[in-house]
Amino acid sequence: TVSVSNGGGTQTSNFTIVITRPVFRVTPASSTYFSGTNGTPFTSPVAVNVSVDYATAIPVTITGDQPWIVVSNAPSTVPGGFSVNVDPARGAQASGSHNGNVHVVLGAGADAVSMDVPVTLNLTAPTFTVSPANLTLGGASGRDFSAVPVTLSLNTGNTAYPWTVTGAPAWLNLDATFGSGG
């Protein structure tokens, strides 16, 4: 209440201050989707932007709720942007579909507002290939004891994983029974 007085009397006026929480937008607000072969790196982060309905910088906290969600370049105030990527090796994710969220919290305490950005990770099991699939040792006459090359491959790009041969009979000569490769 404000009162103004002069020789003719006093005039009183009531004032109300309305403070609203900021309105903010996260773009993209819909699900962020990643898909690939399990065991391969994900090298295409998604850019996310946070904006508010006015120009004042407001503190922001941005975190992933799963260990495989990678948030980088997160600003300490908005407006600003950040990147979201995934790393299935964090938490050793099995092949299949996984869901999580990036939590965006604007402000602090009782005045904080928040929004979740859904993140989906779809991992396809890698394909292990042995070539040739079938071997005939000894050749057509049964007397050819030449070595037969066998190639092992796993469609994980440059990421190598260990392998081991087990159950080989004693008469079979292998030049390697373990190693690693992609």
N, C-alpha and C. Protein backbone atom coordinates (compact mmCIF):
# COMPACT_ATOMS: atom_id res chain seq x y z
N THR A 1 0.85 -1.17 0.00
CA THR A 1 0.00 0.00 0.00
C THR A 1 0.89 1.23 0.00
N VAL A 2 0.53 2.20 -0.86
CA VAL A 2 1.27 3.46 -0.93
C VAL A 2 0.28 4.58 -0.64
N SER A 3 0.68 5.48 0.26
CA SER A 3 -0.16 6.62 0.60
C SER A 3 0.54 7.90 0.18
N VAL A 4 -0.22 8.80 -0.46
CA VAL A 4 0.29 10.10 -0.86
C VAL A 4 -0.57 11.15 -0.16
N SER A 5 0.10 12.04 0.56
CA SER A 5 -0.63 13.06 1.32
C SER A 5 -0.25 14.44 0.83
N ASN A 6 -1.22 15.36 0.86
CA ASN A 6 -0.96 16.78 0.60
C ASN A 6 -1.93 17.58 1.47
N GLY A 7 -2.00 18.85 1.30
CA GLY A 7 -2.87 19.69 2.12
C GLY A 7 -4.34 19.32 1.97
N GLY A 8 -4.71 18.68 0.88
CA GLY A 8 -6.10 18.36 0.64
C GLY A 8 -6.50 16.99 1.15
N GLY A 9 -5.58 16.19 1.64
CA GLY A 9 -5.93 14.88 2.15
C GLY A 9 -4.90 13.82 1.78
N THR A 10 -5.31 12.58 1.97
CA THR A 10 -4.42 11.44 1.71
C THR A 10 -5.10 10.52 0.71
N GLN A 11 -4.33 10.10 -0.26
CA GLN A 11 -4.80 9.12 -1.26
C GLN A 11 -4.00 7.83 -1.05
N THR A 12 -4.67 6.72 -0.90
CA THR A 12 -4.02 5.43 -0.69
C THR A 12 -4.27 4.55 -1.91
N SER A 13 -3.20 3.90 -2.39
CA SER A 13 -3.31 2.97 -3.53
C SER A 13 -2.69 1.64 -3.15
N ASN A 14 -3.31 0.55 -3.60
CA ASN A 14 -2.78 -0.79 -3.37
C ASN A 14 -2.06 -1.26 -4.63
N PHE A 15 -0.92 -1.85 -4.44
CA PHE A 15 -0.14 -2.40 -5.54
C PHE A 15 0.06 -3.89 -5.29
N THR A 16 0.02 -4.68 -6.37
CA THR A 16 0.27 -6.12 -6.29
C THR A 16 1.38 -6.45 -7.27
N ILE A 17 2.36 -7.18 -6.80
CA ILE A 17 3.44 -7.65 -7.67
C ILE A 17 3.18 -9.13 -7.93
N VAL A 18 3.12 -9.50 -9.20
CA VAL A 18 2.92 -10.89 -9.57
C VAL A 18 4.25 -11.39 -10.16
N ILE A 19 4.80 -12.41 -9.54
CA ILE A 19 6.04 -13.01 -10.02
C ILE A 19 5.69 -14.42 -10.48
N THR A 20 5.99 -14.71 -11.73
CA THR A 20 5.70 -16.03 -12.27
C THR A 20 7.00 -16.76 -12.54
N ARG A 21 6.92 -18.04 -12.55
CA ARG A 21 8.07 -18.84 -12.90
C ARG A 21 8.37 -18.64 -14.38
N PRO A 22 9.63 -18.72 -14.74
CA PRO A 22 9.97 -18.54 -16.15
C PRO A 22 9.43 -19.69 -17.00
N VAL A 23 9.08 -19.38 -18.20
CA VAL A 23 8.69 -20.40 -19.16
C VAL A 23 9.93 -20.71 -19.98
N PHE A 24 10.27 -21.99 -20.04
CA PHE A 24 11.45 -22.34 -20.84
C PHE A 24 11.13 -23.46 -21.81
N ARG A 25 11.92 -23.51 -22.84
CA ARG A 25 11.75 -24.50 -23.89
C ARG A 25 13.06 -25.26 -24.07
N VAL A 26 12.93 -26.55 -24.31
CA VAL A 26 14.07 -27.40 -24.64
C VAL A 26 13.82 -27.92 -26.04
N THR A 27 14.77 -27.67 -26.93
CA THR A 27 14.61 -28.09 -28.32
C THR A 27 15.75 -29.02 -28.70
N PRO A 28 15.53 -30.24 -29.15
CA PRO A 28 14.21 -30.85 -29.32
C PRO A 28 13.67 -31.33 -27.98
N ALA A 29 12.38 -31.21 -27.80
CA ALA A 29 11.73 -31.63 -26.55
C ALA A 29 11.26 -33.07 -26.63
N SER A 30 11.19 -33.61 -27.84
CA SER A 30 10.74 -34.99 -28.00
C SER A 30 11.91 -35.93 -27.75
N SER A 31 11.65 -37.19 -27.85
CA SER A 31 12.64 -38.21 -27.56
C SER A 31 13.87 -38.09 -28.45
N THR A 32 15.03 -38.21 -27.83
CA THR A 32 16.29 -38.24 -28.56
C THR A 32 16.63 -39.71 -28.75
N TYR A 33 16.81 -40.15 -30.01
CA TYR A 33 16.91 -41.56 -30.34
C TYR A 33 18.28 -41.89 -30.89
N PHE A 34 18.89 -42.95 -30.35
CA PHE A 34 20.17 -43.44 -30.84
C PHE A 34 20.01 -44.91 -31.16
N SER A 35 20.59 -45.35 -32.27
CA SER A 35 20.50 -46.74 -32.67
C SER A 35 21.81 -47.17 -33.31
N GLY A 36 22.26 -48.37 -32.98
CA GLY A 36 23.49 -48.87 -33.58
C GLY A 36 23.83 -50.26 -33.08
N THR A 37 24.98 -50.74 -33.52
CA THR A 37 25.45 -52.07 -33.14
C THR A 37 26.13 -51.99 -31.78
N ASN A 38 25.75 -52.89 -30.89
CA ASN A 38 26.36 -52.93 -29.57
C ASN A 38 27.85 -53.19 -29.71
N GLY A 39 28.65 -52.41 -28.99
CA GLY A 39 30.10 -52.55 -29.05
C GLY A 39 30.77 -51.55 -29.96
N THR A 40 29.98 -50.75 -30.68
CA THR A 40 30.56 -49.72 -31.54
C THR A 40 30.37 -48.37 -30.86
N PRO A 41 31.29 -47.44 -31.12
CA PRO A 41 31.12 -46.12 -30.51
C PRO A 41 30.03 -45.31 -31.23
N PHE A 42 29.37 -44.45 -30.48
CA PHE A 42 28.38 -43.54 -31.04
C PHE A 42 29.05 -42.17 -31.15
N THR A 43 29.20 -41.68 -32.37
CA THR A 43 29.97 -40.45 -32.60
C THR A 43 29.13 -39.31 -33.15
N SER A 44 27.82 -39.40 -33.05
CA SER A 44 26.95 -38.35 -33.56
C SER A 44 26.06 -37.80 -32.45
N PRO A 45 26.60 -36.88 -31.63
CA PRO A 45 25.77 -36.33 -30.56
C PRO A 45 24.63 -35.48 -31.11
N VAL A 46 23.58 -35.35 -30.32
CA VAL A 46 22.43 -34.52 -30.68
C VAL A 46 22.55 -33.19 -29.95
N ALA A 47 22.44 -32.09 -30.68
CA ALA A 47 22.49 -30.76 -30.08
C ALA A 47 21.14 -30.42 -29.48
N VAL A 48 21.14 -29.90 -28.25
CA VAL A 48 19.91 -29.52 -27.54
C VAL A 48 20.07 -28.07 -27.10
N ASN A 49 19.02 -27.29 -27.22
CA ASN A 49 19.06 -25.89 -26.84
C ASN A 49 18.00 -25.62 -25.77
N VAL A 50 18.38 -24.79 -24.78
CA VAL A 50 17.45 -24.38 -23.72
C VAL A 50 17.26 -22.88 -23.83
N SER A 51 16.01 -22.44 -23.94
CA SER A 51 15.74 -21.01 -24.01
C SER A 51 14.66 -20.64 -23.00
N VAL A 52 14.67 -19.38 -22.58
CA VAL A 52 13.68 -18.88 -21.62
C VAL A 52 12.89 -17.76 -22.27
N ASP A 53 11.77 -17.38 -21.63
CA ASP A 53 10.89 -16.36 -22.21
C ASP A 53 11.36 -14.94 -21.96
N TYR A 54 12.53 -14.76 -21.39
CA TYR A 54 13.12 -13.43 -21.26
C TYR A 54 14.63 -13.59 -21.26
N ALA A 55 15.35 -12.49 -21.37
CA ALA A 55 16.78 -12.53 -21.64
C ALA A 55 17.67 -12.69 -20.42
N THR A 56 17.14 -12.65 -19.20
CA THR A 56 17.97 -12.76 -18.02
C THR A 56 18.56 -14.16 -17.90
N ALA A 57 19.84 -14.24 -17.58
CA ALA A 57 20.49 -15.54 -17.39
C ALA A 57 19.98 -16.17 -16.10
N ILE A 58 19.59 -17.44 -16.17
CA ILE A 58 19.07 -18.17 -15.02
C ILE A 58 19.92 -19.43 -14.84
N PRO A 59 20.30 -19.77 -13.60
CA PRO A 59 21.08 -20.99 -13.38
C PRO A 59 20.33 -22.23 -13.87
N VAL A 60 21.08 -23.15 -14.44
CA VAL A 60 20.49 -24.39 -14.94
C VAL A 60 21.39 -25.55 -14.56
N THR A 61 20.75 -26.71 -14.27
CA THR A 61 21.47 -27.96 -14.01
C THR A 61 20.98 -28.97 -15.02
N ILE A 62 21.91 -29.65 -15.70
CA ILE A 62 21.55 -30.61 -16.74
C ILE A 62 22.28 -31.91 -16.43
N THR A 63 21.52 -33.00 -16.23
CA THR A 63 22.12 -34.29 -15.90
C THR A 63 21.37 -35.42 -16.60
N GLY A 64 22.07 -36.52 -16.86
CA GLY A 64 21.44 -37.73 -17.37
C GLY A 64 21.11 -38.65 -16.20
N ASP A 65 20.01 -39.40 -16.31
CA ASP A 65 19.63 -40.29 -15.21
C ASP A 65 20.10 -41.73 -15.41
N GLN A 66 20.85 -41.99 -16.47
CA GLN A 66 21.42 -43.31 -16.71
C GLN A 66 22.92 -43.14 -16.97
N PRO A 67 23.75 -44.09 -16.57
CA PRO A 67 25.19 -43.92 -16.77
C PRO A 67 25.59 -43.86 -18.24
N TRP A 68 24.79 -44.42 -19.14
CA TRP A 68 25.14 -44.44 -20.56
C TRP A 68 24.75 -43.15 -21.29
N ILE A 69 24.03 -42.25 -20.62
CA ILE A 69 23.69 -40.95 -21.22
C ILE A 69 24.84 -39.99 -20.94
N VAL A 70 25.39 -39.42 -22.01
CA VAL A 70 26.54 -38.52 -21.89
C VAL A 70 26.09 -37.11 -22.25
N VAL A 71 26.15 -36.19 -21.27
CA VAL A 71 25.82 -34.79 -21.49
C VAL A 71 27.13 -34.03 -21.53
N SER A 72 27.34 -33.24 -22.57
CA SER A 72 28.57 -32.46 -22.67
C SER A 72 28.25 -31.01 -23.01
N ASN A 73 29.19 -30.15 -22.68
CA ASN A 73 29.07 -28.71 -22.93
C ASN A 73 27.84 -28.11 -22.27
N ALA A 74 27.44 -28.64 -21.12
CA ALA A 74 26.26 -28.12 -20.42
C ALA A 74 26.56 -26.74 -19.85
N PRO A 75 25.71 -25.75 -20.15
CA PRO A 75 25.94 -24.41 -19.62
C PRO A 75 25.56 -24.33 -18.14
N SER A 76 26.06 -23.32 -17.43
CA SER A 76 25.68 -23.13 -16.04
C SER A 76 24.48 -22.18 -15.93
N THR A 77 24.21 -21.43 -17.02
CA THR A 77 23.03 -20.57 -17.07
C THR A 77 22.38 -20.71 -18.43
N VAL A 78 21.11 -20.35 -18.51
CA VAL A 78 20.42 -20.33 -19.80
C VAL A 78 20.08 -18.89 -20.12
N PRO A 79 19.94 -18.55 -21.39
CA PRO A 79 19.85 -19.48 -22.50
C PRO A 79 21.22 -20.10 -22.83
N GLY A 80 21.17 -21.26 -23.48
CA GLY A 80 22.38 -21.97 -23.85
C GLY A 80 22.06 -23.31 -24.46
N GLY A 81 23.08 -24.00 -24.89
CA GLY A 81 22.89 -25.30 -25.51
C GLY A 81 23.86 -26.32 -24.94
N PHE A 82 23.60 -27.58 -25.22
CA PHE A 82 24.47 -28.67 -24.79
C PHE A 82 24.31 -29.83 -25.77
N SER A 83 25.12 -30.86 -25.60
CA SER A 83 25.06 -32.03 -26.47
C SER A 83 24.71 -33.27 -25.66
N VAL A 84 23.96 -34.17 -26.30
CA VAL A 84 23.61 -35.45 -25.70
C VAL A 84 24.14 -36.54 -26.62
N ASN A 85 24.84 -37.51 -26.03
CA ASN A 85 25.30 -38.67 -26.76
C ASN A 85 25.12 -39.87 -25.85
N VAL A 86 25.45 -41.05 -26.34
CA VAL A 86 25.34 -42.26 -25.54
C VAL A 86 26.65 -43.02 -25.60
N ASP A 87 26.94 -43.78 -24.54
CA ASP A 87 28.10 -44.65 -24.48
C ASP A 87 27.65 -45.95 -23.82
N PRO A 88 27.27 -46.96 -24.65
CA PRO A 88 26.76 -48.21 -24.09
C PRO A 88 27.77 -48.93 -23.20
N ALA A 89 29.06 -48.61 -23.32
CA ALA A 89 30.06 -49.26 -22.48
C ALA A 89 29.94 -48.81 -21.02
N ARG A 90 29.35 -47.65 -20.77
CA ARG A 90 29.09 -47.20 -19.40
C ARG A 90 27.88 -47.96 -18.88
N GLY A 91 28.10 -48.87 -18.00
CA GLY A 91 27.00 -49.67 -17.48
C GLY A 91 26.83 -50.98 -18.23
N ALA A 92 27.68 -51.23 -19.23
CA ALA A 92 27.68 -52.48 -20.00
C ALA A 92 26.27 -52.87 -20.44
N GLN A 93 25.70 -52.09 -21.32
CA GLN A 93 24.33 -52.32 -21.78
C GLN A 93 24.25 -53.55 -22.68
N ALA A 94 23.26 -54.40 -22.42
CA ALA A 94 22.98 -55.54 -23.27
C ALA A 94 22.27 -55.06 -24.53
N SER A 95 22.30 -55.86 -25.56
CA SER A 95 21.57 -55.51 -26.78
C SER A 95 20.08 -55.43 -26.46
N GLY A 96 19.39 -54.51 -27.12
CA GLY A 96 17.97 -54.29 -26.88
C GLY A 96 17.70 -52.81 -26.74
N SER A 97 16.52 -52.46 -26.26
CA SER A 97 16.11 -51.07 -26.13
C SER A 97 16.26 -50.61 -24.68
N HIS A 98 16.82 -49.40 -24.51
CA HIS A 98 17.05 -48.82 -23.19
C HIS A 98 16.50 -47.39 -23.19
N ASN A 99 15.91 -46.99 -22.08
CA ASN A 99 15.32 -45.65 -21.97
C ASN A 99 15.88 -44.92 -20.76
N GLY A 100 16.00 -43.61 -20.90
CA GLY A 100 16.45 -42.74 -19.82
C GLY A 100 16.00 -41.32 -20.11
N ASN A 101 16.47 -40.38 -19.30
CA ASN A 101 16.09 -38.98 -19.45
C ASN A 101 17.28 -38.08 -19.18
N VAL A 102 17.26 -36.92 -19.84
CA VAL A 102 18.14 -35.83 -19.47
C VAL A 102 17.27 -34.87 -18.67
N HIS A 103 17.65 -34.63 -17.41
CA HIS A 103 16.90 -33.73 -16.53
C HIS A 103 17.45 -32.31 -16.72
N VAL A 104 16.56 -31.38 -17.04
CA VAL A 104 16.92 -29.97 -17.16
C VAL A 104 16.17 -29.25 -16.05
N VAL A 105 16.92 -28.68 -15.10
CA VAL A 105 16.32 -27.98 -13.96
C VAL A 105 16.74 -26.52 -14.04
N LEU A 106 15.76 -25.65 -14.14
CA LEU A 106 15.98 -24.21 -14.26
C LEU A 106 15.72 -23.56 -12.91
N GLY A 107 16.68 -22.80 -12.40
CA GLY A 107 16.53 -22.16 -11.10
C GLY A 107 16.88 -23.12 -9.99
N ALA A 108 16.50 -22.75 -8.75
CA ALA A 108 16.83 -23.59 -7.59
C ALA A 108 15.75 -23.47 -6.54
N GLY A 109 15.73 -24.44 -5.64
CA GLY A 109 14.80 -24.40 -4.52
C GLY A 109 13.34 -24.50 -4.93
N ALA A 110 12.49 -23.78 -4.19
CA ALA A 110 11.04 -23.83 -4.42
C ALA A 110 10.64 -23.22 -5.76
N ASP A 111 11.50 -22.37 -6.32
CA ASP A 111 11.17 -21.72 -7.59
C ASP A 111 11.68 -22.49 -8.80
N ALA A 112 12.31 -23.63 -8.59
CA ALA A 112 12.86 -24.39 -9.71
C ALA A 112 11.75 -24.97 -10.58
N VAL A 113 12.00 -24.99 -11.86
CA VAL A 113 11.13 -25.67 -12.81
C VAL A 113 11.99 -26.68 -13.55
N SER A 114 11.38 -27.77 -13.96
CA SER A 114 12.18 -28.81 -14.60
C SER A 114 11.46 -29.41 -15.78
N MET A 115 12.25 -30.07 -16.61
CA MET A 115 11.72 -30.76 -17.78
C MET A 115 12.65 -31.94 -18.06
N ASP A 116 12.08 -33.05 -18.47
CA ASP A 116 12.86 -34.21 -18.87
C ASP A 116 12.84 -34.35 -20.38
N VAL A 117 14.01 -34.63 -20.94
CA VAL A 117 14.12 -34.92 -22.37
C VAL A 117 14.37 -36.43 -22.47
N PRO A 118 13.40 -37.20 -23.01
CA PRO A 118 13.58 -38.65 -23.10
C PRO A 118 14.72 -39.02 -24.06
N VAL A 119 15.47 -40.05 -23.68
CA VAL A 119 16.55 -40.58 -24.50
C VAL A 119 16.33 -42.07 -24.67
N THR A 120 16.33 -42.54 -25.91
CA THR A 120 16.17 -43.95 -26.21
C THR A 120 17.43 -44.46 -26.89
N LEU A 121 17.93 -45.60 -26.42
CA LEU A 121 19.10 -46.25 -27.00
C LEU A 121 18.68 -47.63 -27.45
N ASN A 122 18.80 -47.90 -28.75
CA ASN A 122 18.45 -49.20 -29.30
C ASN A 122 19.73 -49.86 -29.80
N LEU A 123 20.12 -50.94 -29.15
CA LEU A 123 21.36 -51.64 -29.49
C LEU A 123 21.06 -52.97 -30.17
N THR A 124 21.65 -53.16 -31.34
CA THR A 124 21.54 -54.41 -32.09
C THR A 124 22.73 -55.27 -31.73
N ALA A 125 22.52 -56.54 -31.52
CA ALA A 125 23.61 -57.46 -31.20
C ALA A 125 24.60 -57.51 -32.37
N PRO A 126 25.91 -57.49 -32.08
CA PRO A 126 26.88 -57.59 -33.15
C PRO A 126 26.83 -58.97 -33.80
N THR A 127 27.28 -59.04 -35.04
CA THR A 127 27.28 -60.30 -35.78
C THR A 127 28.70 -60.85 -35.84
N PHE A 128 28.88 -62.06 -35.33
CA PHE A 128 30.16 -62.76 -35.37
C PHE A 128 30.15 -63.68 -36.57
N THR A 129 31.18 -63.60 -37.40
CA THR A 129 31.23 -64.39 -38.63
C THR A 129 32.54 -65.17 -38.69
N VAL A 130 32.44 -66.45 -39.04
CA VAL A 130 33.62 -67.29 -39.29
C VAL A 130 33.55 -67.66 -40.77
N SER A 131 34.65 -67.40 -41.49
CA SER A 131 34.66 -67.68 -42.93
C SER A 131 35.91 -68.48 -43.29
N PRO A 132 35.75 -69.58 -43.97
CA PRO A 132 34.51 -70.18 -44.45
C PRO A 132 33.72 -70.81 -43.30
N ALA A 133 32.41 -70.91 -43.50
CA ALA A 133 31.54 -71.44 -42.45
C ALA A 133 31.77 -72.93 -42.24
N ASN A 134 32.12 -73.66 -43.30
CA ASN A 134 32.38 -75.10 -43.22
C ASN A 134 33.74 -75.39 -43.83
N LEU A 135 34.52 -76.28 -43.21
CA LEU A 135 35.85 -76.65 -43.69
C LEU A 135 35.88 -78.14 -44.01
N THR A 136 36.55 -78.46 -45.11
CA THR A 136 36.82 -79.86 -45.42
C THR A 136 38.33 -80.01 -45.40
N LEU A 137 38.84 -80.67 -44.39
CA LEU A 137 40.28 -80.86 -44.26
C LEU A 137 40.70 -82.11 -45.04
N GLY A 138 41.89 -82.05 -45.62
CA GLY A 138 42.41 -83.19 -46.37
C GLY A 138 42.11 -83.10 -47.86
N GLY A 139 41.33 -82.12 -48.26
CA GLY A 139 41.02 -81.94 -49.67
C GLY A 139 40.15 -83.06 -50.20
N ALA A 140 39.97 -83.08 -51.52
CA ALA A 140 39.09 -84.06 -52.16
C ALA A 140 39.62 -85.47 -52.02
N SER A 141 40.98 -85.64 -52.02
CA SER A 141 41.56 -86.99 -51.94
C SER A 141 41.82 -87.42 -50.50
N GLY A 142 41.70 -86.51 -49.56
CA GLY A 142 41.95 -86.85 -48.17
C GLY A 142 43.42 -86.84 -47.81
N ARG A 143 44.28 -86.34 -48.73
CA ARG A 143 45.73 -86.35 -48.48
C ARG A 143 46.36 -84.96 -48.54
N ASP A 144 45.57 -83.93 -48.65
CA ASP A 144 46.09 -82.56 -48.73
C ASP A 144 46.10 -81.97 -47.32
N PHE A 145 47.31 -81.82 -46.76
CA PHE A 145 47.43 -81.34 -45.38
C PHE A 145 47.87 -79.88 -45.32
N SER A 146 47.58 -79.15 -46.39
CA SER A 146 47.90 -77.72 -46.40
C SER A 146 47.02 -76.98 -45.38
N ALA A 147 47.56 -75.89 -44.87
CA ALA A 147 46.80 -75.06 -43.93
C ALA A 147 45.61 -74.43 -44.64
N VAL A 148 44.51 -74.32 -43.94
CA VAL A 148 43.31 -73.68 -44.47
C VAL A 148 43.07 -72.41 -43.64
N PRO A 149 43.14 -71.24 -44.30
CA PRO A 149 42.94 -69.99 -43.53
C PRO A 149 41.47 -69.82 -43.12
N VAL A 150 41.30 -69.35 -41.92
CA VAL A 150 39.97 -69.07 -41.40
C VAL A 150 39.97 -67.62 -40.93
N THR A 151 38.95 -66.87 -41.32
CA THR A 151 38.83 -65.46 -40.94
C THR A 151 37.70 -65.30 -39.93
N LEU A 152 37.99 -64.59 -38.83
CA LEU A 152 36.99 -64.28 -37.82
C LEU A 152 36.69 -62.79 -37.92
N SER A 153 35.41 -62.41 -37.87
CA SER A 153 35.09 -60.99 -37.91
C SER A 153 33.88 -60.69 -37.03
N LEU A 154 33.86 -59.46 -36.54
CA LEU A 154 32.79 -58.97 -35.69
C LEU A 154 32.48 -57.56 -36.17
N ASN A 155 31.23 -57.25 -36.47
CA ASN A 155 30.89 -55.96 -37.08
C ASN A 155 30.83 -54.83 -36.05
N THR A 156 31.95 -54.62 -35.36
CA THR A 156 32.04 -53.54 -34.37
C THR A 156 33.03 -52.48 -34.81
N GLY A 157 33.29 -52.41 -36.11
CA GLY A 157 34.19 -51.37 -36.63
C GLY A 157 35.60 -51.56 -36.11
N ASN A 158 36.20 -50.48 -35.64
CA ASN A 158 37.57 -50.52 -35.14
C ASN A 158 37.67 -50.98 -33.70
N THR A 159 36.55 -51.27 -33.06
CA THR A 159 36.57 -51.71 -31.68
C THR A 159 36.81 -53.22 -31.65
N ALA A 160 37.92 -53.62 -31.02
CA ALA A 160 38.31 -55.03 -30.98
C ALA A 160 37.85 -55.68 -29.68
N TYR A 161 37.51 -56.97 -29.77
CA TYR A 161 37.10 -57.75 -28.61
C TYR A 161 37.88 -59.06 -28.61
N PRO A 162 38.14 -59.62 -27.43
CA PRO A 162 38.90 -60.88 -27.36
C PRO A 162 38.07 -62.06 -27.84
N TRP A 163 38.77 -63.06 -28.39
CA TRP A 163 38.14 -64.31 -28.78
C TRP A 163 39.02 -65.47 -28.33
N THR A 164 38.39 -66.63 -28.16
CA THR A 164 39.10 -67.84 -27.72
C THR A 164 38.49 -69.04 -28.45
N VAL A 165 39.35 -69.97 -28.87
CA VAL A 165 38.89 -71.22 -29.47
C VAL A 165 38.92 -72.28 -28.38
N THR A 166 37.82 -73.00 -28.23
CA THR A 166 37.76 -74.09 -27.26
C THR A 166 37.20 -75.33 -27.95
N GLY A 167 37.49 -76.47 -27.40
CA GLY A 167 36.92 -77.73 -27.89
C GLY A 167 37.59 -78.28 -29.14
N ALA A 168 38.78 -77.78 -29.51
CA ALA A 168 39.46 -78.30 -30.70
C ALA A 168 40.03 -79.69 -30.39
N PRO A 169 39.83 -80.68 -31.30
CA PRO A 169 40.38 -82.01 -31.06
C PRO A 169 41.92 -81.98 -31.13
N ALA A 170 42.56 -82.95 -30.50
CA ALA A 170 44.03 -82.99 -30.41
C ALA A 170 44.70 -83.07 -31.78
N TRP A 171 44.06 -83.68 -32.77
CA TRP A 171 44.66 -83.85 -34.09
C TRP A 171 44.61 -82.58 -34.94
N LEU A 172 43.89 -81.58 -34.48
CA LEU A 172 43.74 -80.35 -35.25
C LEU A 172 44.80 -79.34 -34.81
N ASN A 173 45.64 -78.90 -35.74
CA ASN A 173 46.68 -77.92 -35.44
C ASN A 173 46.15 -76.52 -35.73
N LEU A 174 46.11 -75.69 -34.69
CA LEU A 174 45.67 -74.31 -34.84
C LEU A 174 46.86 -73.39 -34.62
N ASP A 175 47.03 -72.39 -35.47
CA ASP A 175 48.16 -71.47 -35.26
C ASP A 175 47.81 -70.41 -34.22
N ALA A 176 46.54 -70.25 -33.84
CA ALA A 176 46.14 -69.34 -32.78
C ALA A 176 44.89 -69.87 -32.11
N THR A 177 44.84 -69.81 -30.79
CA THR A 177 43.66 -70.25 -30.05
C THR A 177 43.01 -69.10 -29.29
N PHE A 178 43.59 -67.90 -29.40
CA PHE A 178 43.03 -66.72 -28.78
C PHE A 178 43.58 -65.50 -29.50
N GLY A 179 42.91 -64.40 -29.32
CA GLY A 179 43.33 -63.14 -29.91
C GLY A 179 42.26 -62.09 -29.70
N SER A 180 42.33 -61.04 -30.46
CA SER A 180 41.28 -60.03 -30.41
C SER A 180 41.13 -59.43 -31.79
N GLY A 181 39.96 -58.93 -32.06
CA GLY A 181 39.70 -58.32 -33.35
C GLY A 181 38.30 -57.76 -33.42
N GLY A 182 38.08 -57.00 -34.48
CA GLY A 182 36.77 -56.41 -34.71
C GLY A 182 36.15 -57.00 -35.95
